[in-house]
C-alpha atoms as a PDB file:
ATOM      1  CA  MET A   1     101.922  18.753 115.228  1.00  0.00           C
ATOM      2  CA  PHE A   2     104.805  19.748 112.923  1.00  0.00           C
ATOM      3  CA  LYS A   3     102.073  21.072 110.225  1.00  0.00           C
ATOM      4  CA  ASN A   4     100.265  23.068 112.878  1.00  0.00           C
ATOM      5  CA  GLU A   5     103.566  24.804 113.893  1.00  0.00           C
ATOM      6  CA  GLU A   6     104.340  25.337 110.343  1.00  0.00           C
ATOM      7  CA  ALA A   7     100.937  26.848 109.702  1.00  0.00           C
ATOM      8  CA  LEU A   8     100.947  29.033 112.969  1.00  0.00           C
ATOM      9  CA  ASN A   9     104.519  30.287 111.885  1.00  0.00           C
ATOM     10  CA  ASP A  10     103.368  31.421 108.441  1.00  0.00           C
ATOM     11  CA  VAL A  11     100.290  33.132 110.104  1.00  0.00           C
ATOM     12  CA  ARG A  12     102.687  34.905 112.373  1.00  0.00           C
ATOM     13  CA  ARG A  13     104.842  35.860 109.442  1.00  0.00           C
ATOM     14  CA  LYS A  14     101.907  37.260 107.320  1.00  0.00           C
ATOM     15  CA  VAL A  15     100.700  39.249 110.382  1.00  0.00           C
ATOM     16  CA  ALA A  16     104.121  40.548 110.855  1.00  0.00           C
ATOM     17  CA  GLU A  17     104.385  41.504 107.365  1.00  0.00           C
ATOM     18  CA  LYS A  18     101.221  43.126 107.307  1.00  0.00           C
ATOM     19  CA  LEU A  19     101.707  45.089 110.356  1.00  0.00           C
ATOM     20  CA  LYS A  20     105.210  46.079 109.227  1.00  0.00           C
ATOM     21  CA  LYS A  21     103.545  47.050 105.663  1.00  0.00           C
ATOM     22  CA  ASP A  22     100.661  49.129 107.239  1.00  0.00           C
ATOM     23  CA  GLY A  23     102.679  50.347 110.272  1.00  0.00           C
ATOM     24  CA  ASP A  24     103.781  53.729 108.304  1.00  0.00           C
ATOM     25  CA  LYS A  25     100.037  54.251 107.411  1.00  0.00           C
ATOM     26  CA  LEU A  26      98.920  54.130 111.174  1.00  0.00           C
ATOM     27  CA  ILE A  27      98.018  57.856 112.646  1.00  0.00           C
ATOM     28  CA  PHE A  28      97.622  58.139 116.054  1.00  0.00           C
ATOM     29  CA  GLY A  29      95.959  61.562 117.207  1.00  0.00           C
ATOM     30  CA  TRP A  30      94.410  63.013 120.398  1.00  0.00           C
ATOM     31  CA  ARG A  31      91.484  65.185 120.294  1.00  0.00           C
ATOM     32  CA  GLY A  32      90.936  67.840 122.857  1.00  0.00           C
ATOM     33  CA  GLU A  33      88.305  70.109 123.338  1.00  0.00           C
ATOM     34  CA  PRO A  34      86.305  71.253 120.192  1.00  0.00           C
ATOM     35  CA  GLU A  35      87.258  74.332 118.666  1.00  0.00           C
ATOM     36  CA  PRO A  36      84.549  77.210 119.483  1.00  0.00           C
ATOM     37  CA  THR A  37      82.826  78.478 116.333  1.00  0.00           C
ATOM     38  CA  ARG A  38      84.486  81.857 115.297  1.00  0.00           C
ATOM     39  CA  LYS A  39      82.585  84.538 113.225  1.00  0.00           C
ATOM     40  CA  GLU A  40      83.908  87.366 110.937  1.00  0.00           C
ATOM     41  CA  GLY A  41      86.715  89.333 112.595  1.00  0.00           C
ATOM     42  CA  ASP A  42      87.029  87.532 115.808  1.00  0.00           C
ATOM     43  CA  VAL A  43      90.573  87.601 117.187  1.00  0.00           C
ATOM     44  CA  TRP A  44      91.901  84.845 119.523  1.00  0.00           C
ATOM     45  CA  GLU A  45      95.268  83.445 120.661  1.00  0.00           C
ATOM     46  CA  ASP A  46      95.897  79.896 120.332  1.00  0.00           C
ATOM     47  CA  VAL A  47      97.892  77.450 123.044  1.00  0.00           C
ATOM     48  CA  ASN A  48     101.051  78.614 121.491  1.00  0.00           C
ATOM     49  CA  GLY A  49     100.490  82.319 121.612  1.00  0.00           C
ATOM     50  CA  LYS A  50      99.922  82.988 118.209  1.00  0.00           C
ATOM     51  CA  LYS A  51      96.910  85.439 117.278  1.00  0.00           C
ATOM     52  CA  TRP A  52      94.310  84.596 114.597  1.00  0.00           C
ATOM     53  CA  THR A  53      91.376  86.279 113.195  1.00  0.00           C
ATOM     54  CA  ILE A  54      88.540  85.180 110.476  1.00  0.00           C
ATOM     55  CA  LYS A  55      88.851  87.409 107.126  1.00  0.00           C
ATOM     56  CA  GLY A  56      86.489  86.806 104.442  1.00  0.00           C
ATOM     57  CA  GLY A  57      85.391  83.519 106.205  1.00  0.00           C
ATOM     58  CA  ILE A  58      89.087  82.568 106.131  1.00  0.00           C
ATOM     59  CA  ARG A  59      91.117  81.751 109.147  1.00  0.00           C
ATOM     60  CA  GLN A  60      94.164  83.820 109.024  1.00  0.00           C
ATOM     61  CA  SER A  61      97.309  84.690 111.386  1.00  0.00           C
ATOM     62  CA  ILE A  62      98.092  87.806 112.934  1.00  0.00           C
ATOM     63  CA  THR A  63     101.452  88.968 113.026  1.00  0.00           C
ATOM     64  CA  LYS A  64     103.205  92.225 114.358  1.00  0.00           C
ATOM     65  CA  LEU A  65     103.839  93.387 110.572  1.00  0.00           C
ATOM     66  CA  ASP A  66     100.090  92.977 109.556  1.00  0.00           C
ATOM     67  CA  SER A  67      99.823  96.864 109.204  1.00  0.00           C
ATOM     68  CA  ALA A  68     102.880  97.104 106.888  1.00  0.00           C
ATOM     69  CA  LYS A  69     101.747  94.344 104.829  1.00  0.00           C
ATOM     70  CA  THR A  70      99.967  95.073 101.322  1.00  0.00           C
ATOM     71  CA  PRO A  71      96.897  93.497 100.770  1.00  0.00           C
ATOM     72  CA  HIS A  72      96.457  91.482  97.564  1.00  0.00           C
ATOM     73  CA  TRP A  73      92.982  93.106  96.958  1.00  0.00           C
ATOM     74  CA  CYS A  74      92.011  96.814  97.477  1.00  0.00           C
ATOM     75  CA  PRO A  75      90.104  96.995 100.584  1.00  0.00           C
ATOM     76  CA  LYS A  76      87.742  99.769  99.081  1.00  0.00           C
ATOM     77  CA  CYS A  77      86.889  98.338  95.778  1.00  0.00           C
ATOM     78  CA  SER A  78      88.035  94.566  95.963  1.00  0.00           C
ATOM     79  CA  LYS A  79      90.122  95.054  92.908  1.00  0.00           C
ATOM     80  CA  PRO A  80      93.321  93.000  92.569  1.00  0.00           C
ATOM     81  CA  MET A  81      96.398  95.425  93.540  1.00  0.00           C
ATOM     82  CA  ASN A  82      98.320  94.591  90.601  1.00  0.00           C
ATOM     83  CA  HIS A  83      98.830  98.306  89.158  1.00  0.00           C
ATOM     84  CA  ARG A  84     102.345  99.562  89.278  1.00  0.00           C
ATOM     85  CA  PHE A  85     101.074 102.567  91.462  1.00  0.00           C
ATOM     86  CA  ASP A  86      98.436 100.337  93.728  1.00  0.00           C
ATOM     87  CA  ILE A  87     101.004  99.821  96.619  1.00  0.00           C
ATOM     88  CA  LYS A  88     101.911 103.594  96.548  1.00  0.00           C
ATOM     89  CA  PHE A  89      98.461 104.764  96.800  1.00  0.00           C
ATOM     90  CA  TRP A  90      97.594 101.918  99.292  1.00  0.00           C
ATOM     91  CA  ARG A  91     100.367 103.192 101.668  1.00  0.00           C
ATOM     92  CA  ILE A  92      99.335 106.678 101.291  1.00  0.00           C
ATOM     93  CA  ARG A  93      95.779 106.708 101.131  1.00  0.00           C
ATOM     94  CA  GLY A  94      94.582 103.176 101.972  1.00  0.00           C
ATOM     95  CA  HIS A  95      92.937 102.176  98.623  1.00  0.00           C
ATOM     96  CA  CYS A  96      94.241 101.407  95.057  1.00  0.00           C
ATOM     97  CA  PHE A  97      95.210 103.825  92.316  1.00  0.00           C
ATOM     98  CA  ASP A  98      91.802 103.463  90.619  1.00  0.00           C
ATOM     99  CA  CYS A  99      89.914 104.344  93.655  1.00  0.00           C
ATOM    100  CA  ASN A 100      92.293 107.295  94.284  1.00  0.00           C
ATOM    101  CA  ILE A 101      91.528 108.672  90.815  1.00  0.00           C
ATOM    102  CA  LYS A 102      87.945 108.555  91.671  1.00  0.00           C
ATOM    103  CA  VAL A 103      88.321 110.061  94.675  1.00  0.00           C
ATOM    104  CA  GLU A 104      90.185 112.850  93.376  1.00  0.00           C
ATOM    105  CA  THR A 105      88.003 113.575  90.463  1.00  0.00           C
ATOM    106  CA  GLU A 106      85.093 113.593  92.671  1.00  0.00           C
ATOM    107  CA  LEU A 107      86.673 116.207  94.751  1.00  0.00           C
ATOM    108  CA  ARG A 108      87.678 118.318  91.817  1.00  0.00           C
ATOM    109  CA  ARG A 109      83.822 117.920  90.667  1.00  0.00           C
ATOM    110  CA  GLN A 110      82.528 119.306  93.758  1.00  0.00           C
ATOM    111  CA  GLY A 111      85.050 122.234  93.860  1.00  0.00           C
ATOM    112  CA  LYS A 112      86.727 120.667  96.860  1.00  0.00           C
ATOM    113  CA  TRP A 113      90.098 119.917  95.354  1.00  0.00           C
ATOM    114  CA  GLN A 114      91.962 123.095  96.430  1.00  0.00           C
ATOM    115  CA  GLU A 115      90.828 122.558 100.249  1.00  0.00           C
ATOM    116  CA  PHE A 116      91.959 118.891 100.051  1.00  0.00           C
ATOM    117  CA  GLU A 117      95.188 119.779  98.410  1.00  0.00           C
ATOM    118  CA  HIS A 118      95.980 122.650 101.033  1.00  0.00           C
ATOM    119  CA  LYS A 119      95.078 120.098 103.923  1.00  0.00           C
ATOM    120  CA  THR A 120      97.308 117.486 102.468  1.00  0.00           C
ATOM    121  CA  LEU A 121     100.375 120.046 102.098  1.00  0.00           C
ATOM    122  CA  LEU A 122      99.749 121.458 105.753  1.00  0.00           C
ATOM    123  CA  ARG A 123      99.661 117.768 107.147  1.00  0.00           C
ATOM    124  CA  ASN A 124     102.929 117.064 105.437  1.00  0.00           C
ATOM    125  CA  TYR A 125     104.411 120.653 106.465  1.00  0.00           C
ATOM    126  CA  VAL A 126     103.232 119.535 110.260  1.00  0.00           C
ATOM    127  CA  ALA A 127     104.688 116.017 110.112  1.00  0.00           C
ATOM    128  CA  LYS A 128     108.224 117.170 108.723  1.00  0.00           C
ATOM    129  CA  LEU A 129     108.485 119.928 111.383  1.00  0.00           C
ATOM    130  CA  ARG A 130     107.690 117.289 114.152  1.00  0.00           C
ATOM    131  CA  ASP A 131     110.071 114.647 112.677  1.00  0.00           C
ATOM    132  CA  THR A 132     112.907 117.392 112.485  1.00  0.00           C
ATOM    133  CA  ILE A 133     112.022 118.462 116.009  1.00  0.00           C
ATOM    134  CA  ALA A 134     112.338 114.755 117.170  1.00  0.00           C
ATOM    135  CA  GLU A 135     115.452 114.307 115.195  1.00  0.00           C
ATOM    136  CA  LEU A 136     117.390 117.087 116.466  1.00  0.00           C
ATOM    137  CA  GLN A 137     116.392 116.344 120.201  1.00  0.00           C
ATOM    138  CA  ASP A 138     117.967 112.916 119.639  1.00  0.00           C
ATOM    139  CA  TYR A 139     121.004 114.371 118.527  1.00  0.00           C
ATOM    140  CA  HIS A 140     120.989 116.686 121.401  1.00  0.00           C
ATOM    141  CA  ASP A 141     120.399 113.776 123.887  1.00  0.00           C
ATOM    142  CA  THR A 142     123.134 111.601 122.124  1.00  0.00           C
ATOM    143  CA  VAL A 143     125.853 114.021 121.175  1.00  0.00           C
ATOM    144  CA  THR A 144     129.314 113.249 122.237  1.00  0.00           C
ATOM    145  CA  LYS A 145     133.115 114.368 121.428  1.00  0.00           C
ATOM    146  CA  PRO A 146     134.093 113.160 118.056  1.00  0.00           C
ATOM    147  CA  GLU A 147     136.730 110.576 117.600  1.00  0.00           C
ATOM    148  CA  PHE A 148     138.190 108.796 114.488  1.00  0.00           C
ATOM    149  CA  VAL A 149     139.954 105.669 114.441  1.00  0.00           C
ATOM    150  CA  ASN A 150     142.621 105.166 111.830  1.00  0.00           C
ATOM    151  CA  ALA A 151     143.575 101.446 111.484  1.00  0.00           C
ATOM    152  CA  ASP A 152     144.829  98.762 109.136  1.00  0.00           C
ATOM    153  CA  GLU A 153     143.806  94.943 109.100  1.00  0.00           C
ATOM    154  CA  THR A 154     146.255  94.098 112.044  1.00  0.00           C
ATOM    155  CA  LYS A 155     146.255  97.118 114.468  1.00  0.00           C
ATOM    156  CA  ILE A 156     144.986 100.334 115.485  1.00  0.00           C
ATOM    157  CA  LEU A 157     147.353 103.050 114.177  1.00  0.00           C
ATOM    158  CA  MET A 158     145.968 106.242 115.721  1.00  0.00           C
ATOM    159  CA  ILE A 159     142.633 107.728 117.705  1.00  0.00           C
ATOM    160  CA  GLU A 160     142.063 111.123 116.802  1.00  0.00           C
ATOM    161  CA  LYS A 161     139.952 113.142 119.374  1.00  0.00           C
ATOM    162  CA  TRP A 162     138.688 116.290 118.305  1.00  0.00           C
ATOM    163  CA  ASP A 163     138.188 119.200 120.730  1.00  0.00           C
ATOM    164  CA  VAL A 164     134.534 120.366 120.356  1.00  0.00           C
ATOM    165  CA  ASP A 165     132.509 122.423 122.734  1.00  0.00           C
ATOM    166  CA  ILE A 166     129.516 119.828 123.321  1.00  0.00           C
ATOM    167  CA  GLU A 167     127.880 122.438 125.434  1.00  0.00           C
ATOM    168  CA  LYS A 168     127.907 124.941 122.570  1.00  0.00           C
ATOM    169  CA  VAL A 169     126.574 122.145 120.201  1.00  0.00           C
ATOM    170  CA  LYS A 170     123.741 121.490 122.554  1.00  0.00           C
ATOM    171  CA  SER A 171     123.037 125.003 123.007  1.00  0.00           C
ATOM    172  CA  ASP A 172     122.876 125.347 119.138  1.00  0.00           C
ATOM    173  CA  LEU A 173     120.556 122.453 119.055  1.00  0.00           C
ATOM    174  CA  ARG A 174     118.298 123.678 121.747  1.00  0.00           C
ATOM    175  CA  ALA A 175     118.106 127.109 119.824  1.00  0.00           C
ATOM    176  CA  ASP A 176     117.180 125.321 116.570  1.00  0.00           C
ATOM    177  CA  ILE A 177     114.571 123.116 118.223  1.00  0.00           C
ATOM    178  CA  ALA A 178     113.140 125.960 119.938  1.00  0.00           C
ATOM    179  CA  ASN A 179     112.773 127.884 116.487  1.00  0.00           C
ATOM    180  CA  LEU A 180     111.278 124.941 114.991  1.00  0.00           C
ATOM    181  CA  GLN A 181     108.636 124.566 117.812  1.00  0.00           C
ATOM    182  CA  LYS A 182     107.673 128.052 117.554  1.00  0.00           C
ATOM    183  CA  MET A 183     107.112 127.542 113.823  1.00  0.00           C
ATOM    184  CA  LEU A 184     105.147 124.558 114.396  1.00  0.00           C
ATOM    185  CA  ASP A 185     102.876 126.114 116.997  1.00  0.00           C
ATOM    186  CA  GLU A 186     102.381 129.204 114.802  1.00  0.00           C
ATOM    187  CA  THR A 187     101.595 126.737 111.860  1.00  0.00           C
ATOM    188  CA  ILE A 188      99.022 124.702 113.930  1.00  0.00           C
ATOM    189  CA  GLN A 189      97.593 128.179 115.499  1.00  0.00           C
ATOM    190  CA  GLU A 190      96.876 129.859 112.290  1.00  0.00           C
ATOM    191  CA  PHE A 191      96.057 126.868 109.801  1.00  0.00           C
ATOM    192  CA  GLY A 192      95.443 123.985 112.346  1.00  0.00           C
ATOM    193  CA  THR A 193      97.087 120.430 111.534  1.00  0.00           C
ATOM    194  CA  GLY A 194      95.553 119.758 108.439  1.00  0.00           C
ATOM    195  CA  GLU A 195      93.465 116.773 110.009  1.00  0.00           C
ATOM    196  CA  GLU A 196      90.485 118.410 111.435  1.00  0.00           C
ATOM    197  CA  ASN A 197      87.206 117.340 109.849  1.00  0.00           C
ATOM    198  CA  GLU A 198      88.744 114.291 108.424  1.00  0.00           C
ATOM    199  CA  GLY A 199      86.477 111.278 108.444  1.00  0.00           C
END
């Protein structure tokens, strides 16, 4: 009986060693519902609220900054975006530097370059006027009397308040906004926005 007990203890020891050794390798999982089949361009949200899509047959996450990200390959010609001007032209025109050269060369060949250049300058001018109007309107809405605080590391030494006629400042801003809006309206009425017939 002593030998049986010794043999049993030996088996128990070997089983315990085997379980201890293989215990780190054991993986337990749970499989829920199978993932639906997705096709190119599909957009979906996972259980954690993250958005995904299929691009080029590869599942990719969608972030809020996707529109600001520079692609690795030109969306028009699929060439790697590794020229020093590629990023600049992708942000301006939506394609790489080489594609931009081809487009501009074709416009010159067709005799449409001056029209393209005019529309580009007009779009830039209209955008600048709109941005300046919005900036001045923001100043108008948030202007307050200026205060300057003089202090050292330990305490405030003096608060200097300037006596400024805020209503006069707001009146001047409104006049500037009105003048710029008039310029914008006249430009659009005479020349358009430069975005007509774009496609």
